[in-house]
Amino acid sequence: MRAVWLLLIVAAAVLGYLAGARSGEGPGTRARESPRPADAPATVPSVEQRTPPESPEQDLQERPAEQAPPSEGRVDPVHPVPLEQPPTPLDPVHAGSPFDTRLRDDLDRGGAMALLRGLLDARPGRPWTVAAAEGAAAVVGDDGTFPKIFSRQKSGSVVHGPGADWSTLADGTTLVYPEGVFAIDWTEAPERLPRDLLLKGAGMDRTLLRISRARRGENEEIHGLTLAALTIDCGNEDLLWPKSGLAAVRLVECRIARTETILDGPDAGAIRAERCEFEGGRRDGGFERCRLLATGRGLARLDDCTIRGSIDVYDTGHVACLFRRCTFVQVHANLQSNLERRPGVRLEGCRFEVAANPPPPRPLHAINPAWRD
């Protein structure tokens, strides 16, 4: 009987073991839990052990979006202009037009007069085209090309200016004027004005040249005339009046006072002014006005100059004029907008000081007590 009970107990134990192994909770498969202190930190899986999220939406939010391939005509969000868009042909400073190339070639082959004749080539029977305007503006704004128009091709003798015999002046002559007041009679110069003629004073506040009679020639070439370090009183007349022909004039640290027009009448003309002062000579709406040039075709550039009262550019659309770092003092409130609207006129880094009322003419003795009007 006892043997029967032992057999039943052993059979029950075997059946229990088999049942627990099948369910995973038997003593052979159940993980033994080790006690953990209450203050022990929980184990955090490392980055390598973390499982990436299985949700597609969550995966797209965490991964950076793929950059789309650049498309043609892509638009910059800051400056909404197609990045690959070429410069517009109406850009006044765009170089490389056929006319621009021809002007530079004319300058290289034949000097200033050849370049001015190149400007005239667009004139007979044809308007001042966009290409011509772009080419002229590109030449004026080019620091390497525009100064070549006025570079002296010849340097000659140095002559004491007061009392000099103008009829004997050769090309490249330099007339030197000391401090003081002197008269200039342009009609004393020969019919052909010497090329590369330089009139040099002791400073714009120390040397005063008074124009007694203006030069009124026809079909002449004023080639490389330079005025430097002096003040010229034009007596409310033109500084130069060639009427026709070609003219290239350079002004360096020079003051032009009481003039109506700097360069009046040539078929084509060029003016370069550096660190100069311009004072009007004729009243225009209460403000004294100095007209820069009056010509059928023209190039003009003023660098670091001071303009008092008002200044004008011949309103034909056939003049390329650049004012760079110039200061306009005691001017009418509309002067800036008027200049900006003129075809071919550009302002770069200029400053305007507006006057509520037209200022009175500045007398010469306010510049130098020894000078009298």
Protein backbone atom coordinates (compact mmCIF):
# COMPACT_ATOMS: atom_id res chain seq x y z
CA MET A 1 0.00 0.00 0.00
CA ARG A 2 2.82 2.35 0.90
CA ALA A 3 4.48 1.60 -2.46
CA VAL A 4 1.31 2.57 -4.28
CA TRP A 5 1.24 5.99 -2.55
CA LEU A 6 4.88 6.60 -3.39
CA LEU A 7 4.19 5.82 -7.04
CA LEU A 8 1.24 8.27 -7.06
CA ILE A 9 3.33 11.07 -5.47
CA VAL A 10 6.20 10.61 -7.99
CA ALA A 11 3.73 10.61 -10.91
CA ALA A 12 2.10 13.85 -9.69
CA ALA A 13 5.52 15.54 -9.37
CA VAL A 14 6.50 14.53 -12.91
CA LEU A 15 3.17 15.79 -14.32
CA GLY A 16 3.60 19.13 -12.48
CA TYR A 17 7.13 19.60 -13.76
CA LEU A 18 6.05 18.92 -17.35
CA ALA A 19 3.13 21.35 -17.08
CA GLY A 20 5.33 24.15 -15.68
CA ALA A 21 7.98 23.68 -18.39
CA ARG A 22 5.31 23.94 -21.09
CA SER A 23 3.93 27.22 -19.71
CA GLY A 24 7.38 28.83 -19.13
CA GLU A 25 6.95 29.21 -15.43
CA GLY A 26 8.70 26.17 -14.25
CA PRO A 27 11.69 26.41 -11.99
CA GLY A 28 13.97 25.48 -14.89
CA THR A 29 13.07 28.50 -17.08
CA ARG A 30 11.90 31.21 -14.71
CA ALA A 31 14.45 34.13 -14.37
CA ARG A 32 15.64 34.67 -10.90
CA GLU A 33 14.92 38.25 -9.80
CA SER A 34 17.76 39.84 -7.93
CA PRO A 35 16.73 42.38 -5.34
CA ARG A 36 17.62 46.09 -6.21
CA PRO A 37 18.10 48.78 -3.62
CA ALA A 38 15.44 51.48 -3.61
CA ASP A 39 17.96 54.30 -4.36
CA ALA A 40 19.68 52.51 -7.24
CA PRO A 41 19.16 54.29 -10.61
CA ALA A 42 17.16 52.62 -13.26
CA THR A 43 19.20 51.24 -16.15
CA VAL A 44 18.91 53.45 -19.32
CA PRO A 45 19.79 51.82 -22.62
CA SER A 46 22.61 53.48 -24.58
CA VAL A 47 22.12 55.15 -27.94
CA GLU A 48 23.27 52.03 -29.73
CA GLN A 49 20.78 49.93 -27.75
CA ARG A 50 17.78 52.14 -28.52
CA THR A 51 15.38 50.82 -31.06
CA PRO A 52 14.40 53.23 -33.85
CA PRO A 53 10.75 54.14 -33.84
CA GLU A 54 8.56 51.99 -35.93
CA SER A 55 5.99 54.69 -36.69
CA PRO A 56 6.48 56.12 -40.26
CA GLU A 57 5.21 59.57 -39.22
CA GLN A 58 7.62 59.76 -36.28
CA ASP A 59 10.51 58.62 -38.50
CA LEU A 60 9.90 61.45 -41.04
CA GLN A 61 9.78 64.07 -38.26
CA GLU A 62 13.10 63.08 -36.73
CA ARG A 63 15.13 62.63 -39.92
CA PRO A 64 16.11 65.78 -41.85
CA ALA A 65 14.16 66.20 -45.03
CA GLU A 66 16.06 65.40 -48.19
CA GLN A 67 17.11 68.45 -50.21
CA ALA A 68 15.39 68.67 -53.52
CA PRO A 69 17.74 68.87 -56.50
CA PRO A 70 18.29 72.45 -57.73
CA SER A 71 15.96 73.35 -60.53
CA GLU A 72 16.62 75.72 -63.38
CA GLY A 73 15.67 79.30 -62.54
CA ARG A 74 15.90 78.68 -58.78
CA VAL A 75 14.69 81.63 -56.70
CA ASP A 76 16.56 83.00 -53.71
CA PRO A 77 14.01 83.47 -50.87
CA VAL A 78 15.82 86.64 -49.66
CA HIS A 79 16.15 88.28 -53.06
CA PRO A 80 13.31 86.85 -55.14
CA VAL A 81 15.09 87.10 -58.48
CA PRO A 82 16.09 84.02 -60.49
CA LEU A 83 19.73 83.39 -59.58
CA GLU A 84 20.63 82.36 -63.09
CA GLN A 85 18.98 85.41 -64.68
CA PRO A 86 21.50 87.32 -66.85
CA PRO A 87 21.94 91.08 -66.37
CA THR A 88 19.29 93.06 -68.14
CA PRO A 89 20.48 94.81 -71.30
CA LEU A 90 19.02 98.06 -69.95
CA ASP A 91 21.48 98.10 -67.05
CA PRO A 92 23.37 101.43 -67.56
CA VAL A 93 26.58 100.06 -66.07
CA HIS A 94 26.58 96.82 -68.05
CA ALA A 95 29.79 96.63 -70.06
CA GLY A 96 30.60 94.50 -73.03
CA SER A 97 28.17 95.88 -75.60
CA PRO A 98 29.46 96.24 -79.17
CA PHE A 99 29.45 100.01 -78.80
CA ASP A 100 31.38 99.81 -75.55
CA THR A 101 33.97 97.56 -77.20
CA ARG A 102 34.31 99.92 -80.13
CA LEU A 103 34.77 102.96 -77.88
CA ARG A 104 37.57 101.27 -75.99
CA ASP A 105 39.17 100.22 -79.25
CA ASP A 106 38.94 103.77 -80.60
CA LEU A 107 40.62 105.04 -77.45
CA ASP A 108 43.44 102.50 -77.69
CA ARG A 109 44.08 103.19 -81.37
CA GLY A 110 43.57 106.92 -81.66
CA GLY A 111 43.42 108.52 -78.23
CA ALA A 112 40.77 110.84 -76.86
CA MET A 113 39.75 112.41 -80.16
CA ALA A 114 39.19 109.03 -81.78
CA LEU A 115 36.97 108.03 -78.87
CA LEU A 116 34.93 111.23 -79.16
CA ARG A 117 34.55 110.65 -82.88
CA GLY A 118 33.31 107.19 -81.98
CA LEU A 119 30.54 108.80 -79.98
CA LEU A 120 29.53 110.79 -83.04
CA ASP A 121 29.29 107.69 -85.22
CA ALA A 122 25.89 106.93 -83.72
CA ARG A 123 24.59 110.36 -84.60
CA PRO A 124 23.80 110.67 -88.34
CA GLY A 125 20.23 109.58 -88.87
CA ARG A 126 20.19 107.36 -85.79
CA PRO A 127 19.14 108.00 -82.20
CA TRP A 128 21.30 107.61 -79.11
CA THR A 129 20.64 103.90 -78.82
CA VAL A 130 20.53 101.80 -75.68
CA ALA A 131 23.78 100.16 -76.74
CA ALA A 132 25.46 103.55 -77.17
CA ALA A 133 24.23 104.76 -73.79
CA GLU A 134 25.45 101.57 -72.09
CA GLY A 135 28.83 101.78 -73.77
CA ALA A 136 29.33 105.42 -72.80
CA ALA A 137 28.26 104.78 -69.20
CA ALA A 138 30.60 101.79 -68.96
CA VAL A 139 33.54 103.87 -70.17
CA VAL A 140 32.79 106.70 -67.72
CA GLY A 141 32.53 104.31 -64.78
CA ASP A 142 35.70 102.37 -65.65
CA ASP A 143 38.62 103.53 -63.47
CA GLY A 144 41.10 102.09 -65.93
CA THR A 145 39.62 103.40 -69.17
CA PHE A 146 38.16 106.84 -68.47
CA PRO A 147 41.40 108.45 -67.16
CA LYS A 148 43.14 107.46 -70.40
CA ILE A 149 41.03 110.01 -72.24
CA PHE A 150 42.81 112.80 -70.36
CA SER A 151 46.29 111.38 -69.95
CA ARG A 152 49.00 113.69 -71.28
CA GLN A 153 50.63 112.22 -74.34
CA LYS A 154 53.40 114.79 -74.35
CA SER A 155 55.24 116.83 -71.71
CA GLY A 156 57.06 119.92 -72.90
CA SER A 157 58.63 123.01 -71.41
CA VAL A 158 57.60 124.71 -68.17
CA VAL A 159 56.81 128.40 -68.70
CA HIS A 160 56.08 131.21 -66.24
CA GLY A 161 52.38 131.84 -66.81
CA PRO A 162 52.07 135.61 -66.25
CA GLY A 163 53.19 137.43 -69.38
CA ALA A 164 53.68 134.26 -71.44
CA ASP A 165 53.35 134.54 -75.23
CA TRP A 166 50.53 132.15 -75.96
CA SER A 167 51.13 132.27 -79.70
CA THR A 168 54.41 130.41 -79.24
CA LEU A 169 53.22 127.66 -76.92
CA ALA A 170 54.03 124.14 -78.05
CA ASP A 171 52.26 120.88 -77.28
CA GLY A 172 52.79 119.67 -73.72
CA THR A 173 53.61 123.13 -72.29
CA THR A 174 53.02 123.75 -68.58
CA LEU A 175 52.09 127.31 -67.58
CA VAL A 176 52.87 127.89 -63.89
CA TYR A 177 51.07 130.64 -61.98
CA PRO A 178 52.20 131.73 -58.51
CA GLU A 179 49.97 133.07 -55.78
CA GLY A 180 48.03 136.12 -56.91
CA VAL A 181 45.42 137.31 -59.43
CA PHE A 182 46.05 137.02 -63.17
CA ALA A 183 44.06 137.58 -66.37
CA ILE A 184 43.58 134.93 -69.04
CA ASP A 185 42.65 135.86 -72.61
CA TRP A 186 41.79 132.68 -74.46
CA THR A 187 41.86 134.54 -77.78
CA GLU A 188 45.62 135.03 -77.41
CA ALA A 189 46.14 131.32 -77.92
CA PRO A 190 46.82 130.14 -81.48
CA GLU A 191 43.98 128.91 -83.66
CA ARG A 192 45.04 125.40 -82.85
CA LEU A 193 45.16 125.21 -79.06
CA PRO A 194 48.29 123.32 -77.96
CA ARG A 195 47.63 119.73 -77.04
CA ASP A 196 48.22 118.57 -73.47
CA LEU A 197 48.38 122.18 -72.25
CA LEU A 198 48.55 122.45 -68.44
CA LEU A 199 47.74 125.58 -66.41
CA LYS A 200 48.91 125.05 -62.84
CA GLY A 201 48.51 127.40 -59.88
CA ALA A 202 49.69 127.45 -56.28
CA GLY A 203 46.33 126.25 -54.87
CA MET A 204 42.65 126.94 -55.40
CA ASP A 205 42.64 129.41 -52.48
CA ARG A 206 45.85 131.18 -53.55
CA THR A 207 45.82 131.56 -57.34
CA LEU A 208 42.97 133.30 -59.18
CA LEU A 209 42.73 133.40 -62.96
CA ARG A 210 40.18 135.78 -64.41
CA ILE A 211 38.81 134.96 -67.86
CA SER A 212 38.80 138.25 -69.72
CA ARG A 213 37.62 136.91 -73.08
CA ALA A 214 36.15 133.47 -73.69
CA ARG A 215 37.45 131.23 -76.42
CA ARG A 216 34.87 130.90 -79.18
CA GLY A 217 36.33 128.65 -81.83
CA GLU A 218 34.74 126.40 -84.42
CA ASN A 219 35.67 122.89 -85.53
CA GLU A 220 38.67 122.81 -83.24
CA GLU A 221 40.08 120.13 -81.02
CA ILE A 222 40.73 120.97 -77.38
CA HIS A 223 42.90 117.97 -76.70
CA GLY A 224 43.94 117.25 -73.12
CA LEU A 225 43.60 120.72 -71.61
CA THR A 226 44.22 120.53 -67.83
CA LEU A 227 43.53 123.17 -65.16
CA ALA A 228 44.97 122.43 -61.72
CA ALA A 229 45.36 124.00 -58.26
CA LEU A 230 43.67 127.35 -58.95
CA THR A 231 40.38 129.23 -59.04
CA ILE A 232 38.98 130.44 -62.33
CA ASP A 233 36.56 133.37 -62.34
CA CYS A 234 34.55 133.16 -65.55
CA GLY A 235 32.68 136.42 -64.97
CA ASN A 236 29.30 134.73 -65.55
CA GLU A 237 30.38 133.48 -68.98
CA ASP A 238 31.36 130.09 -70.32
CA LEU A 239 34.74 128.66 -69.43
CA LEU A 240 35.20 127.24 -72.94
CA TRP A 241 32.98 127.72 -75.97
CA PRO A 242 34.33 125.77 -78.93
CA LYS A 243 30.94 125.88 -80.72
CA SER A 244 31.80 122.72 -82.64
CA GLY A 245 34.53 120.15 -82.89
CA LEU A 246 35.84 117.97 -80.06
CA ALA A 247 37.04 118.78 -76.56
CA ALA A 248 38.55 116.90 -73.59
CA VAL A 249 39.14 118.95 -70.43
CA ARG A 250 40.50 117.85 -67.06
CA LEU A 251 40.09 119.77 -63.78
CA VAL A 252 42.21 118.85 -60.74
CA GLU A 253 41.76 120.53 -57.34
CA CYS A 254 40.29 123.47 -59.18
CA ARG A 255 37.47 125.88 -58.37
CA ILE A 256 35.22 127.13 -61.17
CA ALA A 257 33.39 130.29 -60.06
CA ARG A 258 30.69 132.36 -61.71
CA THR A 259 30.37 130.32 -64.87
CA GLU A 260 27.33 129.54 -66.94
CA THR A 261 28.75 126.46 -68.71
CA ILE A 262 32.05 124.64 -68.32
CA LEU A 263 32.14 123.29 -71.86
CA ASP A 264 29.66 124.70 -74.34
CA GLY A 265 29.01 123.75 -77.92
CA PRO A 266 31.35 120.94 -79.04
CA ASP A 267 29.96 118.14 -81.15
CA ALA A 268 31.38 115.74 -78.59
CA GLY A 269 33.13 116.52 -75.32
CA ALA A 270 34.54 114.95 -72.18
CA ILE A 271 35.13 116.41 -68.71
CA ARG A 272 36.93 114.87 -65.78
CA ALA A 273 36.96 116.70 -62.44
CA GLU A 274 38.80 115.55 -59.31
CA ARG A 275 38.47 117.21 -55.88
CA CYS A 276 37.09 120.38 -57.45
CA GLU A 277 34.53 123.01 -56.45
CA PHE A 278 31.80 124.35 -58.70
CA GLU A 279 29.93 127.58 -57.96
CA GLY A 280 27.02 128.69 -60.09
CA GLY A 281 27.09 131.81 -62.19
CA ARG A 282 23.55 132.21 -63.46
CA ARG A 283 20.43 132.38 -61.35
CA ASP A 284 17.97 129.60 -62.12
CA GLY A 285 14.84 129.76 -60.01
CA GLY A 286 16.73 131.67 -57.34
CA PHE A 287 19.64 129.21 -57.13
CA GLU A 288 22.91 129.86 -58.93
CA ARG A 289 23.42 127.24 -61.58
CA CYS A 290 26.57 125.90 -63.17
CA ARG A 291 25.96 123.90 -66.33
CA LEU A 292 28.53 121.16 -66.69
CA LEU A 293 28.47 120.75 -70.45
CA ALA A 294 26.21 121.47 -73.39
CA THR A 295 27.05 119.13 -76.23
CA GLY A 296 25.51 116.74 -78.69
CA ARG A 297 27.47 113.81 -77.22
CA GLY A 298 29.33 113.85 -73.95
CA LEU A 299 31.15 112.01 -71.19
CA ALA A 300 31.59 113.55 -67.76
CA ARG A 301 32.75 112.35 -64.37
CA LEU A 302 33.14 114.23 -61.09
CA ASP A 303 35.01 112.53 -58.23
CA ASP A 304 35.06 113.93 -54.66
CA CYS A 305 33.84 117.35 -55.80
CA THR A 306 31.77 120.04 -54.06
CA ILE A 307 28.89 121.71 -55.89
CA ARG A 308 27.42 124.90 -54.43
CA GLY A 309 23.97 126.05 -55.46
CA SER A 310 23.01 123.95 -58.47
CA ILE A 311 24.48 122.06 -61.38
CA ASP A 312 22.97 120.99 -64.65
CA VAL A 313 23.66 118.40 -67.32
CA TYR A 314 22.51 119.00 -70.87
CA ASP A 315 19.11 117.36 -71.07
CA THR A 316 19.36 115.46 -74.35
CA GLY A 317 19.92 111.94 -73.04
CA HIS A 318 23.15 111.86 -75.04
CA VAL A 319 25.49 112.52 -72.11
CA ALA A 320 26.85 109.88 -69.74
CA CYS A 321 27.64 111.62 -66.45
CA LEU A 322 28.81 110.13 -63.15
CA PHE A 323 28.91 111.98 -59.82
CA ARG A 324 30.96 109.88 -57.40
CA ARG A 325 31.32 110.82 -53.71
CA CYS A 326 30.32 114.41 -54.43
CA THR A 327 28.86 116.85 -51.91
CA PHE A 328 26.07 119.20 -52.93
CA VAL A 329 25.72 122.12 -50.52
CA GLN A 330 23.07 124.84 -50.29
CA VAL A 331 20.99 123.22 -53.01
CA HIS A 332 17.30 123.10 -53.80
CA ALA A 333 15.37 120.19 -52.33
CA ASN A 334 14.53 118.84 -55.81
CA LEU A 335 18.08 118.79 -57.17
CA GLN A 336 18.81 115.17 -56.27
CA SER A 337 15.60 113.83 -57.79
CA ASN A 338 16.09 115.99 -60.88
CA LEU A 339 19.57 114.58 -61.45
CA GLU A 340 18.44 111.02 -60.84
CA ARG A 341 15.74 111.39 -63.49
CA ARG A 342 18.13 112.63 -66.14
CA PRO A 343 18.97 109.98 -68.74
CA GLY A 344 22.56 108.89 -68.44
CA VAL A 345 23.22 110.59 -65.07
CA ARG A 346 24.33 108.44 -62.13
CA LEU A 347 24.98 109.32 -58.49
CA GLU A 348 27.27 107.14 -56.36
CA GLY A 349 27.88 107.88 -52.68
CA CYS A 350 26.82 111.53 -52.96
CA ARG A 351 25.53 113.76 -50.17
CA PHE A 352 23.01 116.60 -50.43
CA GLU A 353 22.66 119.53 -48.03
CA VAL A 354 19.39 121.28 -48.81
CA ALA A 355 18.82 125.02 -48.33
CA ALA A 356 15.36 126.36 -47.61
CA ASN A 357 16.08 129.57 -49.51
CA PRO A 358 18.56 130.47 -52.25
CA PRO A 359 21.83 131.52 -50.64
CA PRO A 360 23.37 134.84 -51.62
CA PRO A 361 26.29 134.69 -54.08
CA ARG A 362 29.57 133.99 -52.33
CA PRO A 363 31.99 136.85 -52.98
CA LEU A 364 35.52 136.04 -54.00
CA HIS A 365 36.99 137.88 -51.01
CA ALA A 366 35.20 135.35 -48.79
CA ILE A 367 37.58 132.79 -50.28
CA ASN A 368 40.68 135.00 -50.23
CA PRO A 369 40.67 138.51 -48.71
CA ALA A 370 43.06 139.70 -51.44
CA TRP A 371 40.54 138.88 -54.16
CA ARG A 372 37.86 141.35 -55.24
CA ASP A 373 34.77 140.82 -57.34
